Amino acid sequence: MELSETGRRFIVHWGEMGSAWGVNRTVAQIHALLFFHGKPLHAEEISDTLGAARSNVSTSLKELQNWKLIRVTHLLGDRRDYFETSHDVWELFRTIVRERKEREFDPTTRMLAQLVAQPSFQQEPPDVQDRLRETLRFMESLGAWSDEMLRLTPATLEKVMGLGAKVQKFLRGSDSAQPTTEADAAAPAPLPAPPF
């Protein structure tokens, strides 16, 4: 399968971003190819298109399946496994957030809760106890909030994000406000609100 210039640039960039996020480059490129192509592909097509070793593609496909980002499908009259991903960016976003939360965030929260519950924790200096309790409280609150956000439908989540941008703008005040101190003038400009 020949890639267009747009497809090639998208897939190469997605692979680079995957590396920046701690994801294997080939894993990210395969996901980008499936998303961009929009139709199921078998492993040999993926390998040929990306110029990746068949064994690397096989390992990467298993990792994407473990992340629940791709699924196996079959075509009538063809015994090979084909792979596809969702075309819904909101579904993909929710899947990635849910999987990262379960693999990285939740274990840290559980570990902090166990540390704080141990009798030996009381022997730590008070400032250490305060920092760890505050960290646990913050992570539990953030975890509960993200669980609530993941339960929302994509349409509702998009509305919440748009509302959040409006609240942020309201709390910042008018965009035309002038800095009142040198520190305010030197502070970086706030990030623009999402375009929803």
C-alpha atoms as a PDB file:
ATOM      1  CA  MET A   1       0.000   0.000   0.000  1.00  0.00           C
ATOM      2  CA  GLU A   2       1.406   3.382  -1.017  1.00  0.00           C
ATOM      3  CA  LEU A   3       1.114   6.222   1.480  1.00  0.00           C
ATOM      4  CA  SER A   4       0.342   9.765   0.432  1.00  0.00           C
ATOM      5  CA  GLU A   5       2.602  12.570   1.624  1.00  0.00           C
ATOM      6  CA  THR A   6      -0.088  13.510   4.164  1.00  0.00           C
ATOM      7  CA  GLY A   7      -0.302   9.943   5.426  1.00  0.00           C
ATOM      8  CA  ARG A   8       3.465   9.571   5.656  1.00  0.00           C
ATOM      9  CA  ARG A   9       3.885  12.822   7.587  1.00  0.00           C
ATOM     10  CA  PHE A  10       0.995  11.980   9.942  1.00  0.00           C
ATOM     11  CA  ILE A  11       2.352   8.508  10.716  1.00  0.00           C
ATOM     12  CA  VAL A  12       5.963   9.657  11.167  1.00  0.00           C
ATOM     13  CA  HIS A  13       4.879  12.485  13.471  1.00  0.00           C
ATOM     14  CA  TRP A  14       2.574  10.205  15.499  1.00  0.00           C
ATOM     15  CA  GLY A  15       5.499   7.815  15.971  1.00  0.00           C
ATOM     16  CA  GLU A  16       7.694  10.676  17.211  1.00  0.00           C
ATOM     17  CA  MET A  17       4.968  11.821  19.607  1.00  0.00           C
ATOM     18  CA  GLY A  18       4.532   8.248  20.813  1.00  0.00           C
ATOM     19  CA  SER A  19       8.228   8.156  21.704  1.00  0.00           C
ATOM     20  CA  ALA A  20       7.842  11.436  23.617  1.00  0.00           C
ATOM     21  CA  TRP A  21       4.925   9.899  25.568  1.00  0.00           C
ATOM     22  CA  GLY A  22       6.886   6.742  26.395  1.00  0.00           C
ATOM     23  CA  VAL A  23       5.259   4.571  23.715  1.00  0.00           C
ATOM     24  CA  ASN A  24       7.314   2.476  21.301  1.00  0.00           C
ATOM     25  CA  ARG A  25       7.623   4.300  17.962  1.00  0.00           C
ATOM     26  CA  THR A  26       6.412   1.320  15.896  1.00  0.00           C
ATOM     27  CA  VAL A  27       3.403   0.843  18.169  1.00  0.00           C
ATOM     28  CA  ALA A  28       2.416   4.487  17.666  1.00  0.00           C
ATOM     29  CA  GLN A  29       3.029   4.334  13.909  1.00  0.00           C
ATOM     30  CA  ILE A  30       0.878   1.224  13.494  1.00  0.00           C
ATOM     31  CA  HIS A  31      -1.964   2.867  15.379  1.00  0.00           C
ATOM     32  CA  ALA A  32      -1.580   6.005  13.265  1.00  0.00           C
ATOM     33  CA  LEU A  33      -1.615   3.926  10.055  1.00  0.00           C
ATOM     34  CA  LEU A  34      -4.800   2.107  11.066  1.00  0.00           C
ATOM     35  CA  PHE A  35      -6.464   5.368  12.085  1.00  0.00           C
ATOM     36  CA  PHE A  36      -5.397   7.196   8.921  1.00  0.00           C
ATOM     37  CA  HIS A  37      -6.236   4.334   6.545  1.00  0.00           C
ATOM     38  CA  GLY A  38      -9.647   3.806   8.161  1.00  0.00           C
ATOM     39  CA  LYS A  39      -9.984   0.184   7.032  1.00  0.00           C
ATOM     40  CA  PRO A  40      -8.785  -3.128   8.483  1.00  0.00           C
ATOM     41  CA  LEU A  41      -5.256  -4.170   7.503  1.00  0.00           C
ATOM     42  CA  HIS A  42      -3.453  -7.473   8.008  1.00  0.00           C
ATOM     43  CA  ALA A  43       0.009  -7.663   9.559  1.00  0.00           C
ATOM     44  CA  GLU A  44       1.833  -8.167   6.262  1.00  0.00           C
ATOM     45  CA  GLU A  45       0.267  -4.989   4.797  1.00  0.00           C
ATOM     46  CA  ILE A  46       1.242  -3.071   7.918  1.00  0.00           C
ATOM     47  CA  SER A  47       4.792  -4.428   7.808  1.00  0.00           C
ATOM     48  CA  ASP A  48       5.233  -3.631   4.099  1.00  0.00           C
ATOM     49  CA  THR A  49       3.714  -0.155   4.375  1.00  0.00           C
ATOM     50  CA  LEU A  50       5.814   0.907   7.356  1.00  0.00           C
ATOM     51  CA  GLY A  51       8.963  -0.975   6.339  1.00  0.00           C
ATOM     52  CA  ALA A  52       8.987  -2.620   9.771  1.00  0.00           C
ATOM     53  CA  ALA A  53      10.101  -6.156  10.590  1.00  0.00           C
ATOM     54  CA  ARG A  54       7.210  -8.638  10.743  1.00  0.00           C
ATOM     55  CA  SER A  55       8.209  -9.691  14.281  1.00  0.00           C
ATOM     56  CA  ASN A  56       8.213  -6.048  15.421  1.00  0.00           C
ATOM     57  CA  VAL A  57       4.759  -5.544  13.885  1.00  0.00           C
ATOM     58  CA  SER A  58       3.441  -8.689  15.586  1.00  0.00           C
ATOM     59  CA  THR A  59       4.729  -7.560  19.006  1.00  0.00           C
ATOM     60  CA  SER A  60       3.386  -4.033  18.460  1.00  0.00           C
ATOM     61  CA  LEU A  61      -0.067  -5.327  17.466  1.00  0.00           C
ATOM     62  CA  LYS A  62      -0.236  -7.355  20.695  1.00  0.00           C
ATOM     63  CA  GLU A  63       0.657  -4.252  22.700  1.00  0.00           C
ATOM     64  CA  LEU A  64      -2.042  -2.217  20.950  1.00  0.00           C
ATOM     65  CA  GLN A  65      -4.556  -4.989  21.699  1.00  0.00           C
ATOM     66  CA  ASN A  66      -3.483  -4.959  25.369  1.00  0.00           C
ATOM     67  CA  TRP A  67      -4.146  -1.211  25.405  1.00  0.00           C
ATOM     68  CA  LYS A  68      -7.591  -1.902  23.833  1.00  0.00           C
ATOM     69  CA  LEU A  69      -6.740   0.495  21.000  1.00  0.00           C
ATOM     70  CA  ILE A  70      -7.172  -2.035  18.182  1.00  0.00           C
ATOM     71  CA  ARG A  71      -9.316  -5.078  17.602  1.00  0.00           C
ATOM     72  CA  VAL A  72      -9.053  -8.141  15.406  1.00  0.00           C
ATOM     73  CA  THR A  73     -11.529  -8.575  12.599  1.00  0.00           C
ATOM     74  CA  HIS A  74     -11.900 -11.041   9.730  1.00  0.00           C
ATOM     75  CA  LEU A  75     -12.892 -10.779   6.099  1.00  0.00           C
ATOM     76  CA  LEU A  76     -15.080 -13.324   4.364  1.00  0.00           C
ATOM     77  CA  GLY A  77     -12.957 -15.906   2.544  1.00  0.00           C
ATOM     78  CA  ASP A  78      -9.683 -14.729   4.154  1.00  0.00           C
ATOM     79  CA  ARG A  79      -8.164 -16.674   7.029  1.00  0.00           C
ATOM     80  CA  ARG A  80      -5.784 -13.891   8.085  1.00  0.00           C
ATOM     81  CA  ASP A  81      -6.357 -11.647  11.084  1.00  0.00           C
ATOM     82  CA  TYR A  82      -7.067  -8.041  10.175  1.00  0.00           C
ATOM     83  CA  PHE A  83      -6.655  -5.164  12.593  1.00  0.00           C
ATOM     84  CA  GLU A  84      -8.669  -1.986  12.948  1.00  0.00           C
ATOM     85  CA  THR A  85      -9.009   0.916  15.339  1.00  0.00           C
ATOM     86  CA  SER A  86     -11.851   3.228  16.217  1.00  0.00           C
ATOM     87  CA  HIS A  87     -12.421   6.239  13.983  1.00  0.00           C
ATOM     88  CA  ASP A  88     -13.916   8.146  16.938  1.00  0.00           C
ATOM     89  CA  VAL A  89     -11.220  10.382  18.462  1.00  0.00           C
ATOM     90  CA  TRP A  90     -13.248  10.762  21.673  1.00  0.00           C
ATOM     91  CA  GLU A  91     -13.427   6.988  22.106  1.00  0.00           C
ATOM     92  CA  LEU A  92      -9.673   6.727  21.513  1.00  0.00           C
ATOM     93  CA  PHE A  93      -8.995   9.544  23.994  1.00  0.00           C
ATOM     94  CA  ARG A  94     -11.147   7.895  26.658  1.00  0.00           C
ATOM     95  CA  THR A  95      -9.486   4.509  26.074  1.00  0.00           C
ATOM     96  CA  ILE A  96      -5.981   5.972  26.406  1.00  0.00           C
ATOM     97  CA  VAL A  97      -6.852   7.948  29.548  1.00  0.00           C
ATOM     98  CA  ARG A  98      -8.601   4.949  31.137  1.00  0.00           C
ATOM     99  CA  GLU A  99      -5.714   2.573  30.366  1.00  0.00           C
ATOM    100  CA  ARG A 100      -3.007   4.989  31.555  1.00  0.00           C
ATOM    101  CA  LYS A 101      -4.968   5.693  34.732  1.00  0.00           C
ATOM    102  CA  GLU A 102      -5.313   1.973  35.500  1.00  0.00           C
ATOM    103  CA  ARG A 103      -1.644   1.224  34.744  1.00  0.00           C
ATOM    104  CA  GLU A 104       0.125   4.278  36.191  1.00  0.00           C
ATOM    105  CA  PHE A 105      -2.088   6.490  38.343  1.00  0.00           C
ATOM    106  CA  ASP A 106      -4.152   3.969  40.337  1.00  0.00           C
ATOM    107  CA  PRO A 107      -1.153   1.884  41.547  1.00  0.00           C
ATOM    108  CA  THR A 108       0.502   5.050  42.879  1.00  0.00           C
ATOM    109  CA  THR A 109      -2.669   6.050  44.710  1.00  0.00           C
ATOM    110  CA  ARG A 110      -2.941   2.560  46.244  1.00  0.00           C
ATOM    111  CA  MET A 111       0.724   2.637  47.316  1.00  0.00           C
ATOM    112  CA  LEU A 112       0.285   6.028  49.023  1.00  0.00           C
ATOM    113  CA  ALA A 113      -2.849   4.795  50.824  1.00  0.00           C
ATOM    114  CA  GLN A 114      -0.928   1.743  52.070  1.00  0.00           C
ATOM    115  CA  LEU A 115       1.987   3.889  53.286  1.00  0.00           C
ATOM    116  CA  VAL A 116      -0.299   6.268  55.169  1.00  0.00           C
ATOM    117  CA  ALA A 117      -2.201   3.346  56.765  1.00  0.00           C
ATOM    118  CA  GLN A 118       0.925   1.621  58.141  1.00  0.00           C
ATOM    119  CA  PRO A 119       1.610   2.102  61.869  1.00  0.00           C
ATOM    120  CA  SER A 120       5.231   3.020  61.075  1.00  0.00           C
ATOM    121  CA  PHE A 121       3.969   6.052  59.125  1.00  0.00           C
ATOM    122  CA  GLN A 122       3.229   7.781  62.449  1.00  0.00           C
ATOM    123  CA  GLN A 123       6.955   7.751  63.209  1.00  0.00           C
ATOM    124  CA  GLU A 124       7.741   9.947  60.215  1.00  0.00           C
ATOM    125  CA  PRO A 125       8.291  13.682  60.848  1.00  0.00           C
ATOM    126  CA  PRO A 126       5.027  15.663  60.825  1.00  0.00           C
ATOM    127  CA  ASP A 127       5.955  17.595  57.677  1.00  0.00           C
ATOM    128  CA  VAL A 128       6.561  14.309  55.806  1.00  0.00           C
ATOM    129  CA  GLN A 129       3.204  12.969  57.001  1.00  0.00           C
ATOM    130  CA  ASP A 130       1.488  16.169  55.838  1.00  0.00           C
ATOM    131  CA  ARG A 131       3.083  16.046  52.387  1.00  0.00           C
ATOM    132  CA  LEU A 132       2.194  12.397  51.794  1.00  0.00           C
ATOM    133  CA  ARG A 133      -1.369  12.799  53.095  1.00  0.00           C
ATOM    134  CA  GLU A 134      -1.863  15.866  50.902  1.00  0.00           C
ATOM    135  CA  THR A 135      -0.468  13.999  47.896  1.00  0.00           C
ATOM    136  CA  LEU A 136      -2.835  11.094  48.573  1.00  0.00           C
ATOM    137  CA  ARG A 137      -5.793  13.448  48.980  1.00  0.00           C
ATOM    138  CA  PHE A 138      -4.926  15.209  45.723  1.00  0.00           C
ATOM    139  CA  MET A 139      -4.553  11.931  43.801  1.00  0.00           C
ATOM    140  CA  GLU A 140      -7.808  10.525  45.203  1.00  0.00           C
ATOM    141  CA  SER A 141      -9.655  13.711  44.198  1.00  0.00           C
ATOM    142  CA  LEU A 142      -8.116  13.749  40.739  1.00  0.00           C
ATOM    143  CA  GLY A 143      -8.852  10.037  40.306  1.00  0.00           C
ATOM    144  CA  ALA A 144     -12.497  10.485  41.313  1.00  0.00           C
ATOM    145  CA  TRP A 145     -12.838  13.450  38.934  1.00  0.00           C
ATOM    146  CA  SER A 146     -11.299  11.544  36.012  1.00  0.00           C
ATOM    147  CA  ASP A 147     -13.591   8.549  36.693  1.00  0.00           C
ATOM    148  CA  GLU A 148     -16.580  10.897  36.473  1.00  0.00           C
ATOM    149  CA  MET A 149     -15.279  12.437  33.234  1.00  0.00           C
ATOM    150  CA  LEU A 150     -14.753   8.988  31.687  1.00  0.00           C
ATOM    151  CA  ARG A 151     -18.408   8.110  32.387  1.00  0.00           C
ATOM    152  CA  LEU A 152     -19.645  11.033  30.286  1.00  0.00           C
ATOM    153  CA  THR A 153     -20.696  10.593  26.691  1.00  0.00           C
ATOM    154  CA  PRO A 154     -18.390  12.237  24.133  1.00  0.00           C
ATOM    155  CA  ALA A 155     -21.005  14.938  23.429  1.00  0.00           C
ATOM    156  CA  THR A 156     -21.331  15.775  27.134  1.00  0.00           C
ATOM    157  CA  LEU A 157     -17.555  15.685  27.629  1.00  0.00           C
ATOM    158  CA  GLU A 158     -17.108  18.133  24.768  1.00  0.00           C
ATOM    159  CA  LYS A 159     -19.658  20.476  26.383  1.00  0.00           C
ATOM    160  CA  VAL A 160     -17.876  20.212  29.753  1.00  0.00           C
ATOM    161  CA  MET A 161     -14.576  21.098  28.095  1.00  0.00           C
ATOM    162  CA  GLY A 162     -16.151  24.101  26.402  1.00  0.00           C
ATOM    163  CA  LEU A 163     -17.689  25.178  29.694  1.00  0.00           C
ATOM    164  CA  GLY A 164     -14.306  24.776  31.380  1.00  0.00           C
ATOM    165  CA  ALA A 165     -12.739  27.131  28.832  1.00  0.00           C
ATOM    166  CA  LYS A 166     -15.456  29.715  29.535  1.00  0.00           C
ATOM    167  CA  VAL A 167     -14.957  29.391  33.305  1.00  0.00           C
ATOM    168  CA  GLN A 168     -11.187  29.760  32.854  1.00  0.00           C
ATOM    169  CA  LYS A 169     -11.699  32.916  30.777  1.00  0.00           C
ATOM    170  CA  PHE A 170     -14.103  34.291  33.402  1.00  0.00           C
ATOM    171  CA  LEU A 171     -11.655  33.596  36.242  1.00  0.00           C
ATOM    172  CA  ARG A 172      -8.793  35.218  34.326  1.00  0.00           C
ATOM    173  CA  GLY A 173     -10.876  38.309  33.717  1.00  0.00           C
ATOM    174  CA  SER A 174     -11.010  40.152  30.446  1.00  0.00           C
ATOM    175  CA  ASP A 175      -8.271  39.405  27.938  1.00  0.00           C
ATOM    176  CA  SER A 176      -7.629  43.133  27.626  1.00  0.00           C
ATOM    177  CA  ALA A 177      -6.601  43.502  31.286  1.00  0.00           C
ATOM    178  CA  GLN A 178      -3.155  45.073  31.627  1.00  0.00           C
ATOM    179  CA  PRO A 179      -0.499  43.534  33.923  1.00  0.00           C
ATOM    180  CA  THR A 180      -0.403  45.271  37.284  1.00  0.00           C
ATOM    181  CA  THR A 181       3.115  44.304  38.382  1.00  0.00           C
ATOM    182  CA  GLU A 182       6.453  43.513  36.763  1.00  0.00           C
ATOM    183  CA  ALA A 183       5.921  39.868  37.733  1.00  0.00           C
ATOM    184  CA  ASP A 184       2.545  39.879  35.935  1.00  0.00           C
ATOM    185  CA  ALA A 185       4.134  41.437  32.858  1.00  0.00           C
ATOM    186  CA  ALA A 186       6.924  38.837  32.847  1.00  0.00           C
ATOM    187  CA  ALA A 187       4.554  35.884  33.366  1.00  0.00           C
ATOM    188  CA  PRO A 188       3.902  33.743  30.295  1.00  0.00           C
ATOM    189  CA  ALA A 189       0.584  34.287  28.574  1.00  0.00           C
ATOM    190  CA  PRO A 190      -2.094  31.769  29.546  1.00  0.00           C
ATOM    191  CA  LEU A 191      -2.707  28.908  27.145  1.00  0.00           C
ATOM    192  CA  PRO A 192      -5.505  29.555  24.680  1.00  0.00           C
ATOM    193  CA  ALA A 193      -8.843  27.956  25.408  1.00  0.00           C
ATOM    194  CA  PRO A 194      -9.690  24.797  23.421  1.00  0.00           C
ATOM    195  CA  PRO A 195     -11.545  25.615  20.191  1.00  0.00           C
ATOM    196  CA  PHE A 196     -14.859  24.029  21.265  1.00  0.00           C
END
